[in-house]
């Protein structure tokens, strides 16, 4: 048997779509929220000298290199990066038009998560809506300022500083007293003495270990004595008070139920989170990406272009690229930056086109909701819109992520319109959001002295042909932030 060596070369030609940085950027731009997009544009304007913002309308010949008019951009060619093709400097694959929908369909699993919170490009727009003064001092700074005004020893001031730096955003100790004693290297008696001083600072109740201690401190500062029934209730019956077991508390303290109810109203006026109004918390304002206006019997979709700058590639740098006397290194740099700017512009245009198509499809599906309200919200899934506009579900998902629409019914996240369905007793499909609205309506109309149980709500919903289990009612009620019936009960004093 003879042995021989052979070299076989099997060639197989395949066509694949690679994930380039530019395509990654396009996917990200489609998914990000409006403030994030504005920040991305601002960053690119700072980093890319070939990209510039135009103040007003631009020349028709340069229109393809800007954002704004989405309809016209749809029929425009790729930005003028092709002008340098005669130089032989650009790769052919960079000059080909990208089949966006095919690409998004192939990469259905990429960039599907959240990409951050972003920030508004123009802070003045947020300030315009500010109606109330916002505390800019942090809780730590506020307490330290007061600590420095108190007469105490250097050791006590050191311990006080250590305590203040170990408070959470609500004003409570972030660790146990034993852990603080170990870290501060001080007796627990000294720690508690300094803590009692800090608890009387503004806001009162800071540096408490729990809600009970926080409320007791505030009652003490108001002037209540240790034997007052309000103090006794906070000291030993907070759980019963939370469950509104007034009878049990009244019997234990040998007082009238009316007095317990009055004490509850006093306790509800206290601050359970002393640090609530301090810190760097700023009001977050939502700017809609799309407006839906009713014109006669029709609904018109309008994209919100306010705040999105009109972009174009700087003509000066395009001229430099075509200049035969420009150094090769300079041409290479400019070509890279022009490509980046052009791709950003096209990505934004594609984002706006997709957003318009998706919103127009939602309008077609949810016309009855726009006309008559949430009771007429239809069950809808991503696949319904995807089939309607001939796009992949992942594209619709990205296009609706972190986007908001302003309608005559209010401001909604686009994801709001995609809801699961429940089967009614009459065979019709009912949106889960409509059921939540109905539950809220039933509870709003109940007698505060005799709140409805979840089982009774089930029976009430059945009258409207809504077949739903008690545990589903409980789940929806919790999602709406509504307490169970035992904690919704209200007592009427004096008749």
Protein backbone atom coordinates (compact mmCIF):
# COMPACT_ATOMS: atom_id res chain seq x y z
CA UNK A 1 0.00 0.00 0.00
CA UNK A 2 1.53 3.26 -1.15
CA UNK A 3 1.30 6.46 0.85
CA UNK A 4 1.11 9.80 -0.86
CA UNK A 5 0.44 13.41 0.15
CA UNK A 6 -2.22 15.49 -1.52
CA UNK A 7 -3.22 19.13 -1.12
CA UNK A 8 -6.91 19.76 -1.80
CA UNK A 9 -8.15 23.35 -1.91
CA UNK A 10 -11.93 23.56 -1.63
CA UNK A 11 -13.20 27.03 -2.43
CA UNK A 12 -16.72 28.05 -1.56
CA UNK A 13 -17.97 31.51 -2.32
CA UNK A 14 -20.47 32.94 0.14
CA UNK A 15 -22.07 36.34 0.50
CA UNK A 16 -22.38 37.68 4.04
CA UNK A 17 -23.18 41.02 5.57
CA UNK A 18 -20.51 42.02 8.05
CA UNK A 19 -21.14 44.09 11.15
CA UNK A 20 -19.09 47.20 10.51
CA UNK A 21 -18.74 50.08 12.98
CA UNK A 22 -20.92 52.21 10.71
CA UNK A 23 -23.72 49.65 10.75
CA UNK A 24 -23.43 49.34 14.50
CA UNK A 25 -23.86 53.09 14.71
CA UNK A 26 -26.95 52.91 12.47
CA UNK A 27 -28.54 50.30 14.72
CA UNK A 28 -27.78 52.38 17.80
CA UNK A 29 -29.20 55.56 16.26
CA UNK A 30 -32.43 53.74 15.43
CA UNK A 31 -32.87 52.60 19.01
CA UNK A 32 -31.68 55.52 21.16
CA UNK A 33 -34.00 58.04 22.77
CA UNK A 34 -34.29 61.59 21.51
CA UNK A 35 -32.01 63.16 24.18
CA UNK A 36 -29.38 60.50 23.47
CA UNK A 37 -29.57 61.19 19.74
CA UNK A 38 -29.12 64.90 20.35
CA UNK A 39 -26.08 64.15 22.51
CA UNK A 40 -24.61 61.82 19.85
CA UNK A 41 -25.00 64.54 17.24
CA UNK A 42 -23.39 67.12 19.53
CA UNK A 43 -20.45 64.78 20.19
CA UNK A 44 -19.95 64.10 16.49
CA UNK A 45 -20.06 67.83 15.70
CA UNK A 46 -17.25 68.33 18.22
CA UNK A 47 -15.13 65.44 16.95
CA UNK A 48 -15.68 65.56 13.19
CA UNK A 49 -14.52 68.78 11.45
CA UNK A 50 -16.20 67.82 8.17
CA UNK A 51 -19.66 67.74 9.77
CA UNK A 52 -21.44 71.02 10.32
CA UNK A 53 -24.80 72.31 11.40
CA UNK A 54 -26.71 74.63 9.10
CA UNK A 55 -28.81 77.44 10.52
CA UNK A 56 -31.54 77.33 7.91
CA UNK A 57 -32.45 75.82 4.53
CA UNK A 58 -29.53 74.67 2.44
CA UNK A 59 -28.89 74.64 -1.27
CA UNK A 60 -30.86 72.05 -3.24
CA UNK A 61 -27.67 70.40 -4.48
CA UNK A 62 -26.52 69.81 -0.93
CA UNK A 63 -29.88 68.75 0.43
CA UNK A 64 -28.95 65.09 0.54
CA UNK A 65 -26.29 65.87 3.15
CA UNK A 66 -28.66 67.15 5.82
CA UNK A 67 -31.48 65.90 8.00
CA UNK A 68 -34.95 67.32 8.30
CA UNK A 69 -37.16 66.69 5.26
CA UNK A 70 -37.67 62.98 5.60
CA UNK A 71 -39.92 62.52 2.60
CA UNK A 72 -37.46 64.07 0.14
CA UNK A 73 -34.49 62.35 1.70
CA UNK A 74 -36.10 59.03 0.89
CA UNK A 75 -35.55 59.54 -2.82
CA UNK A 76 -32.15 61.21 -2.59
CA UNK A 77 -28.89 59.44 -3.42
CA UNK A 78 -26.17 58.62 -0.92
CA UNK A 79 -24.32 61.79 0.27
CA UNK A 80 -21.56 63.15 -1.90
CA UNK A 81 -18.83 60.88 -0.66
CA UNK A 82 -18.85 59.40 -4.17
CA UNK A 83 -17.17 62.50 -5.55
CA UNK A 84 -13.79 61.10 -4.57
CA UNK A 85 -14.29 57.77 -6.32
CA UNK A 86 -12.33 59.00 -9.34
CA UNK A 87 -9.34 59.32 -7.05
CA UNK A 88 -9.47 55.56 -6.41
CA UNK A 89 -9.29 56.21 -2.70
CA UNK A 90 -12.63 54.80 -1.51
CA UNK A 91 -13.53 51.13 -1.39
CA UNK A 92 -16.37 49.98 -3.61
CA UNK A 93 -18.26 48.34 -0.80
CA UNK A 94 -18.45 51.68 1.05
CA UNK A 95 -20.12 53.30 -1.97
CA UNK A 96 -22.87 50.74 -2.41
CA UNK A 97 -26.28 51.52 -1.01
CA UNK A 98 -27.11 49.52 2.08
CA UNK A 99 -30.33 47.51 2.18
CA UNK A 100 -31.28 48.69 5.66
CA UNK A 101 -34.31 46.50 6.18
CA UNK A 102 -32.40 43.40 5.06
CA UNK A 103 -29.58 44.29 7.39
CA UNK A 104 -31.84 44.90 10.41
CA UNK A 105 -33.65 41.68 9.66
CA UNK A 106 -30.39 39.70 9.66
CA UNK A 107 -29.15 41.24 12.89
CA UNK A 108 -32.30 40.86 14.95
CA UNK A 109 -30.45 40.16 18.17
CA UNK A 110 -27.96 43.02 18.25
CA UNK A 111 -28.26 46.21 20.26
CA UNK A 112 -31.60 45.21 21.72
CA UNK A 113 -30.90 46.47 25.21
CA UNK A 114 -30.92 49.87 26.75
CA UNK A 115 -28.11 52.21 25.83
CA UNK A 116 -28.23 54.67 28.73
CA UNK A 117 -30.20 57.63 29.91
CA UNK A 118 -28.75 60.42 27.83
CA UNK A 119 -29.11 64.15 28.49
CA UNK A 120 -30.84 67.10 26.90
CA UNK A 121 -28.80 69.00 24.32
CA UNK A 122 -30.20 72.33 25.37
CA UNK A 123 -30.53 72.70 29.14
CA UNK A 124 -32.57 75.86 28.68
CA UNK A 125 -35.46 73.85 27.30
CA UNK A 126 -35.73 71.96 30.60
CA UNK A 127 -35.35 75.14 32.63
CA UNK A 128 -38.23 76.66 30.69
CA UNK A 129 -40.61 74.12 32.20
CA UNK A 130 -39.27 74.38 35.74
CA UNK A 131 -42.07 75.58 38.01
CA UNK A 132 -40.59 75.13 41.49
CA UNK A 133 -37.23 75.71 43.13
CA UNK A 134 -35.12 72.58 43.30
CA UNK A 135 -32.72 71.95 46.15
CA UNK A 136 -29.21 71.82 44.75
CA UNK A 137 -27.44 71.07 48.05
CA UNK A 138 -26.94 67.41 48.81
CA UNK A 139 -28.15 65.92 52.06
CA UNK A 140 -24.54 65.31 53.11
CA UNK A 141 -23.53 68.95 52.58
CA UNK A 142 -26.62 70.22 54.39
CA UNK A 143 -25.98 68.08 57.46
CA UNK A 144 -22.23 68.81 57.51
CA UNK A 145 -22.91 72.56 57.44
CA UNK A 146 -25.13 72.21 60.50
CA UNK A 147 -22.64 69.90 62.24
CA UNK A 148 -19.93 72.56 61.97
CA UNK A 149 -22.17 75.04 63.81
CA UNK A 150 -22.71 72.80 66.84
CA UNK A 151 -20.53 73.10 69.93
CA UNK A 152 -18.88 69.69 70.38
CA UNK A 153 -15.47 68.09 70.81
CA UNK A 154 -13.22 67.25 67.87
CA UNK A 155 -13.82 63.54 68.49
CA UNK A 156 -17.60 63.98 68.41
CA UNK A 157 -17.31 66.05 65.23
CA UNK A 158 -15.20 63.30 63.66
CA UNK A 159 -17.82 60.69 64.56
CA UNK A 160 -20.62 62.96 63.32
CA UNK A 161 -18.85 63.45 60.00
CA UNK A 162 -18.40 59.68 59.72
CA UNK A 163 -22.12 59.10 60.40
CA UNK A 164 -23.24 61.68 57.84
CA UNK A 165 -21.04 60.14 55.15
CA UNK A 166 -22.70 56.78 55.79
CA UNK A 167 -26.30 57.80 55.11
CA UNK A 168 -28.25 56.62 52.08
CA UNK A 169 -30.21 58.93 49.78
CA UNK A 170 -33.30 58.66 52.02
CA UNK A 171 -31.33 59.86 55.07
CA UNK A 172 -31.12 56.53 56.91
CA UNK A 173 -27.98 54.76 58.08
CA UNK A 174 -26.59 52.66 55.25
CA UNK A 175 -25.16 50.10 57.70
CA UNK A 176 -25.85 48.89 61.24
CA UNK A 177 -24.80 50.74 64.37
CA UNK A 178 -22.40 47.91 65.22
CA UNK A 179 -20.68 48.27 61.84
CA UNK A 180 -20.36 52.03 62.34
CA UNK A 181 -18.85 51.51 65.80
CA UNK A 182 -16.28 49.13 64.34
CA UNK A 183 -15.36 51.44 61.45
CA UNK A 184 -15.37 54.66 63.48
CA UNK A 185 -13.52 53.03 66.38
CA UNK A 186 -15.70 54.59 69.06
CA UNK A 187 -18.02 53.42 71.87
CA UNK A 188 -21.61 52.77 70.82
CA UNK A 189 -22.83 55.18 73.51
CA UNK A 190 -20.86 58.04 71.94
CA UNK A 191 -22.13 57.08 68.48
CA UNK A 192 -25.76 57.23 69.63
CA UNK A 193 -25.23 60.55 71.41
CA UNK A 194 -23.87 62.15 68.25
CA UNK A 195 -26.60 60.48 66.20
CA UNK A 196 -29.28 62.03 68.40
CA UNK A 197 -27.81 65.46 67.71
CA UNK A 198 -27.83 64.85 63.92
CA UNK A 199 -31.41 63.56 64.08
CA UNK A 200 -32.53 67.00 65.24
CA UNK A 201 -30.89 68.72 62.27
CA UNK A 202 -32.83 69.78 59.21
CA UNK A 203 -34.26 67.55 57.79
CA UNK A 204 -35.37 66.00 61.10
CA UNK A 205 -35.06 62.26 61.46
CA UNK A 206 -31.83 61.93 59.48
CA UNK A 207 -29.35 59.27 60.67
CA UNK A 208 -32.18 57.06 61.96
CA UNK A 209 -31.87 53.29 61.77
CA UNK A 210 -35.48 52.67 60.73
CA UNK A 211 -38.85 54.31 60.07
CA UNK A 212 -39.96 53.98 63.68
CA UNK A 213 -36.98 55.93 65.01
CA UNK A 214 -37.33 58.56 62.27
CA UNK A 215 -41.00 59.23 63.05
CA UNK A 216 -40.42 59.24 66.82
CA UNK A 217 -37.74 61.90 66.39
CA UNK A 218 -40.07 64.12 64.39
CA UNK A 219 -42.89 63.71 66.93
CA UNK A 220 -40.48 64.63 69.73
CA UNK A 221 -39.41 67.80 67.91
CA UNK A 222 -43.04 68.77 67.33
CA UNK A 223 -43.63 68.55 71.06
CA UNK A 224 -45.29 65.22 71.73
CA UNK A 225 -44.42 63.47 74.99
CA UNK A 226 -43.48 59.83 75.39
CA UNK A 227 -46.88 58.90 76.88
CA UNK A 228 -48.95 60.52 74.10
CA UNK A 229 -50.95 57.91 72.22
CA UNK A 230 -49.54 59.17 68.89
CA UNK A 231 -46.04 58.33 70.10
CA UNK A 232 -47.20 54.99 71.54
CA UNK A 233 -48.75 53.99 68.22
CA UNK A 234 -45.55 54.76 66.29
CA UNK A 235 -43.46 53.01 68.92
CA UNK A 236 -45.33 49.72 68.94
CA UNK A 237 -48.12 49.49 66.38
CA UNK A 238 -46.79 50.63 62.98
CA UNK A 239 -47.62 47.28 61.35
CA UNK A 240 -51.18 47.36 62.63
CA UNK A 241 -51.47 50.99 61.54
CA UNK A 242 -50.29 50.09 58.05
CA UNK A 243 -53.02 47.44 57.83
CA UNK A 244 -55.56 49.88 59.33
CA UNK A 245 -56.37 47.61 62.23
CA UNK A 246 -57.66 50.55 64.23
CA UNK A 247 -59.84 48.40 66.48
CA UNK A 248 -56.87 46.35 67.64
CA UNK A 249 -54.77 49.44 68.36
CA UNK A 250 -57.64 51.16 70.20
CA UNK A 251 -58.20 48.10 72.38
CA UNK A 252 -54.49 47.75 73.20
CA UNK A 253 -54.13 51.43 74.16
CA UNK A 254 -57.57 51.67 75.75
CA UNK A 255 -58.59 54.64 73.59
CA UNK A 256 -61.40 55.32 71.13
CA UNK A 257 -61.06 54.30 67.48
CA UNK A 258 -61.61 57.94 66.58
CA UNK A 259 -58.46 58.88 68.48
CA UNK A 260 -56.46 56.24 66.62
CA UNK A 261 -57.75 57.58 63.30
CA UNK A 262 -56.83 61.11 64.35
CA UNK A 263 -53.34 59.90 65.31
CA UNK A 264 -53.00 58.26 61.92
CA UNK A 265 -53.72 61.55 60.19
CA UNK A 266 -50.99 63.21 62.28
CA UNK A 267 -48.49 60.45 61.48
CA UNK A 268 -49.28 60.68 57.77
CA UNK A 269 -48.16 64.31 57.90
CA UNK A 270 -44.62 63.31 58.92
CA UNK A 271 -41.74 62.72 56.46
CA UNK A 272 -40.79 59.03 56.20
CA UNK A 273 -37.79 59.83 53.98
CA UNK A 274 -35.84 62.83 55.32
CA UNK A 275 -33.49 62.94 52.33
CA UNK A 276 -36.27 62.97 49.74
CA UNK A 277 -35.89 66.65 48.82
CA UNK A 278 -32.11 66.74 48.78
CA UNK A 279 -29.43 65.64 46.38
CA UNK A 280 -28.74 66.10 42.70
CA UNK A 281 -32.14 64.91 41.56
CA UNK A 282 -33.41 66.94 38.61
CA UNK A 283 -36.76 66.87 36.95
CA UNK A 284 -36.74 64.79 33.79
CA UNK A 285 -38.83 66.12 30.91
CA UNK A 286 -40.07 64.02 28.02
CA UNK A 287 -39.91 65.48 24.54
CA UNK A 288 -42.17 63.61 22.10
CA UNK A 289 -40.52 62.19 19.00
CA UNK A 290 -43.80 62.17 17.05
CA UNK A 291 -47.05 64.12 17.06
CA UNK A 292 -50.40 62.67 15.97
CA UNK A 293 -52.83 65.43 14.98
CA UNK A 294 -56.45 64.94 14.10
CA UNK A 295 -57.48 66.74 10.93
CA UNK A 296 -61.16 66.17 10.26
CA UNK A 297 -61.70 62.42 10.25
CA UNK A 298 -58.05 61.63 9.58
CA UNK A 299 -54.95 61.46 11.78
CA UNK A 300 -51.73 63.04 10.55
CA UNK A 301 -48.31 61.89 11.79
CA UNK A 302 -45.71 64.65 12.18
CA UNK A 303 -42.13 64.07 13.26
CA UNK A 304 -40.74 66.42 15.88
CA UNK A 305 -37.65 67.97 14.28
CA UNK A 306 -37.20 70.62 16.96
CA UNK A 307 -33.80 70.25 18.58
CA UNK A 308 -32.43 68.01 15.83
CA UNK A 309 -29.94 70.12 13.87
CA UNK A 310 -29.79 70.16 10.08
CA UNK A 311 -26.48 68.53 9.18
CA UNK A 312 -24.32 68.61 6.09
CA UNK A 313 -20.79 67.78 5.01
CA UNK A 314 -18.65 70.93 4.88
CA UNK A 315 -18.07 71.83 1.19
CA UNK A 316 -14.58 73.15 1.96
CA UNK A 317 -13.32 69.76 3.04
CA UNK A 318 -14.94 68.05 0.06
CA UNK A 319 -12.97 70.45 -2.16
CA UNK A 320 -9.77 69.61 -0.30
CA UNK A 321 -10.35 65.90 -0.94
CA UNK A 322 -10.54 66.52 -4.70
CA UNK A 323 -7.48 68.75 -4.68
CA UNK A 324 -4.65 66.80 -6.33
CA UNK A 325 -2.08 68.86 -4.42
CA UNK A 326 -3.37 67.78 -1.02
CA UNK A 327 -1.04 65.32 0.78
CA UNK A 328 -2.14 61.69 0.75
CA UNK A 329 -2.27 61.54 4.52
CA UNK A 330 -4.61 64.54 4.60
CA UNK A 331 -6.86 63.00 1.94
CA UNK A 332 -7.07 59.75 3.88
CA UNK A 333 -8.03 61.55 7.07
CA UNK A 334 -10.68 63.64 5.31
CA UNK A 335 -12.13 60.65 3.49
CA UNK A 336 -12.56 58.83 6.78
CA UNK A 337 -14.26 61.82 8.41
CA UNK A 338 -16.51 62.53 5.43
CA UNK A 339 -17.58 58.88 5.37
CA UNK A 340 -18.38 59.07 9.06
CA UNK A 341 -20.37 62.30 8.67
CA UNK A 342 -22.28 61.00 5.65
CA UNK A 343 -23.16 57.78 7.39
CA UNK A 344 -24.43 59.64 10.44
CA UNK A 345 -26.66 61.79 8.25
CA UNK A 346 -28.08 58.81 6.39
CA UNK A 347 -28.58 56.90 9.64
CA UNK A 348 -30.61 59.75 11.11
CA UNK A 349 -32.68 60.02 7.94
CA UNK A 350 -33.36 56.28 8.04
CA UNK A 351 -34.29 56.50 11.71
CA UNK A 352 -36.86 59.22 10.97
CA UNK A 353 -38.34 57.33 8.02
CA UNK A 354 -38.69 54.14 10.06
CA UNK A 355 -40.21 56.02 12.99
CA UNK A 356 -42.78 57.61 10.69
CA UNK A 357 -43.75 54.28 9.09
CA UNK A 358 -44.13 52.57 12.47
CA UNK A 359 -46.24 55.40 13.91
CA UNK A 360 -48.50 55.52 10.86
CA UNK A 361 -49.05 51.78 11.22
CA UNK A 362 -49.92 52.19 14.91
CA UNK A 363 -52.44 54.87 13.95
CA UNK A 364 -54.10 52.47 11.54
CA UNK A 365 -54.38 49.77 14.20
CA UNK A 366 -55.35 52.04 17.10
CA UNK A 367 -57.69 54.48 15.37
CA UNK A 368 -60.55 53.66 17.77
CA UNK A 369 -58.31 54.41 20.74
CA UNK A 370 -57.41 57.81 19.32
CA UNK A 371 -61.10 58.55 18.72
CA UNK A 372 -62.72 57.18 21.86
CA UNK A 373 -60.11 56.50 24.56
CA UNK A 374 -58.35 53.68 26.35
CA UNK A 375 -61.44 51.45 26.53
CA UNK A 376 -61.02 50.95 22.77
CA UNK A 377 -57.30 50.13 22.82
CA UNK A 378 -56.85 47.01 20.71
CA UNK A 379 -54.46 44.17 21.55
CA UNK A 380 -51.43 44.48 19.29
CA UNK A 381 -48.00 42.86 19.05
CA UNK A 382 -44.82 43.81 17.21
CA UNK A 383 -45.52 41.27 14.50
CA UNK A 384 -48.75 43.05 13.52
CA UNK A 385 -46.93 46.31 12.75
CA UNK A 386 -43.96 44.48 11.21
CA UNK A 387 -46.22 42.70 8.73
CA UNK A 388 -48.12 45.90 7.99
CA UNK A 389 -45.02 47.86 6.95
CA UNK A 390 -42.97 44.89 5.67
CA UNK A 391 -40.21 45.15 8.26
CA UNK A 392 -38.69 42.74 10.71
CA UNK A 393 -40.06 42.62 14.26
CA UNK A 394 -36.64 43.55 15.65
CA UNK A 395 -36.67 46.73 13.56
CA UNK A 396 -40.07 47.70 14.93
CA UNK A 397 -38.88 46.92 18.45
CA UNK A 398 -35.86 49.19 18.10
CA UNK A 399 -37.85 51.94 16.42
CA UNK A 400 -40.36 52.04 19.29
CA UNK A 401 -37.79 51.78 22.10
CA UNK A 402 -37.40 54.96 24.16
CA UNK A 403 -39.69 56.91 21.79
CA UNK A 404 -42.74 58.96 22.78
CA UNK A 405 -45.77 60.13 20.85
CA UNK A 406 -48.05 63.06 21.64
CA UNK A 407 -51.73 62.48 20.91
CA UNK A 408 -55.02 64.12 21.81
CA UNK A 409 -55.32 61.37 24.44
CA UNK A 410 -52.04 62.29 26.10
CA UNK A 411 -48.35 61.51 25.88
CA UNK A 412 -47.50 57.83 25.49
CA UNK A 413 -44.45 55.69 24.94
CA UNK A 414 -44.76 53.89 21.62
CA UNK A 415 -44.35 50.59 23.48
CA UNK A 416 -47.60 51.40 25.30
CA UNK A 417 -49.65 50.46 22.25
CA UNK A 418 -48.28 46.92 22.19
CA UNK A 419 -50.35 45.00 24.71
CA UNK A 420 -51.36 41.41 25.33
CA UNK A 421 -54.95 40.35 24.88
CA UNK A 422 -57.60 38.78 27.08
CA UNK A 423 -60.53 36.82 25.68
CA UNK A 424 -63.89 38.30 26.60
CA UNK A 425 -66.94 36.19 27.42
CA UNK A 426 -68.51 37.41 24.18
CA UNK A 427 -65.52 36.12 22.18
CA UNK A 428 -63.85 39.48 21.55
CA UNK A 429 -60.21 40.24 22.33
CA UNK A 430 -59.62 42.88 25.00
CA UNK A 431 -56.38 44.79 25.62
CA UNK A 432 -54.77 44.29 29.03
CA UNK A 433 -54.39 48.08 29.30
CA UNK A 434 -58.13 48.47 28.87
CA UNK A 435 -58.70 45.98 31.68
CA UNK A 436 -56.30 47.91 33.95
CA UNK A 437 -58.19 51.11 33.19
CA UNK A 438 -61.47 49.40 34.02
CA UNK A 439 -60.08 48.11 37.34
CA UNK A 440 -58.90 51.61 38.24
CA UNK A 441 -62.31 53.01 37.34
CA UNK A 442 -64.11 50.46 39.54
CA UNK A 443 -61.85 51.13 42.53
CA UNK A 444 -62.18 54.91 42.10
CA UNK A 445 -65.96 54.61 42.40
CA UNK A 446 -65.96 52.31 45.45
CA UNK A 447 -67.14 53.29 48.94
CA UNK A 448 -63.97 54.23 50.93
CA UNK A 449 -65.53 52.69 54.02
CA UNK A 450 -66.22 49.41 52.22
CA UNK A 451 -63.49 48.86 49.60
CA UNK A 452 -64.03 46.14 47.04
CA UNK A 453 -62.06 42.94 47.27
CA UNK A 454 -60.31 41.47 44.23
CA UNK A 455 -63.00 38.80 43.97
CA UNK A 456 -65.77 41.40 43.84
CA UNK A 457 -63.81 43.28 41.15
CA UNK A 458 -63.74 40.03 39.15
CA UNK A 459 -67.55 39.93 39.29
CA UNK A 460 -67.80 43.60 38.30
CA UNK A 461 -65.56 42.99 35.28
CA UNK A 462 -67.69 40.01 34.28
CA UNK A 463 -70.61 42.41 33.80
CA UNK A 464 -68.59 43.97 30.97
CA UNK A 465 -67.88 40.56 29.44
CA UNK A 466 -64.33 40.46 30.83
CA UNK A 467 -63.38 36.98 32.03
CA UNK A 468 -60.38 37.32 34.34
CA UNK A 469 -58.99 35.42 37.33
CA UNK A 470 -58.72 36.95 40.81
CA UNK A 471 -54.92 36.60 40.83
CA UNK A 472 -54.77 38.51 37.53
CA UNK A 473 -56.82 41.32 39.07
CA UNK A 474 -54.38 41.38 42.00
CA UNK A 475 -51.42 41.54 39.59
CA UNK A 476 -52.92 44.40 37.58
CA UNK A 477 -53.89 46.25 40.77
CA UNK A 478 -50.30 46.03 42.03
CA UNK A 479 -49.02 47.25 38.65
CA UNK A 480 -51.31 50.27 39.03
CA UNK A 481 -49.90 50.94 42.51
CA UNK A 482 -53.25 50.32 44.23
CA UNK A 483 -53.29 48.83 47.72
CA UNK A 484 -55.40 45.77 48.61
CA UNK A 485 -58.86 46.34 50.05
CA UNK A 486 -57.69 45.82 53.64
CA UNK A 487 -55.35 48.83 53.30
CA UNK A 488 -57.73 51.04 51.29
CA UNK A 489 -60.39 51.20 53.98
CA UNK A 490 -61.19 54.68 55.25
CA UNK A 491 -62.94 55.35 58.55
CA UNK A 492 -65.34 58.27 58.91
CA UNK A 493 -65.19 59.90 62.33
CA UNK A 494 -68.33 61.35 63.87
CA UNK A 495 -70.96 59.89 61.61
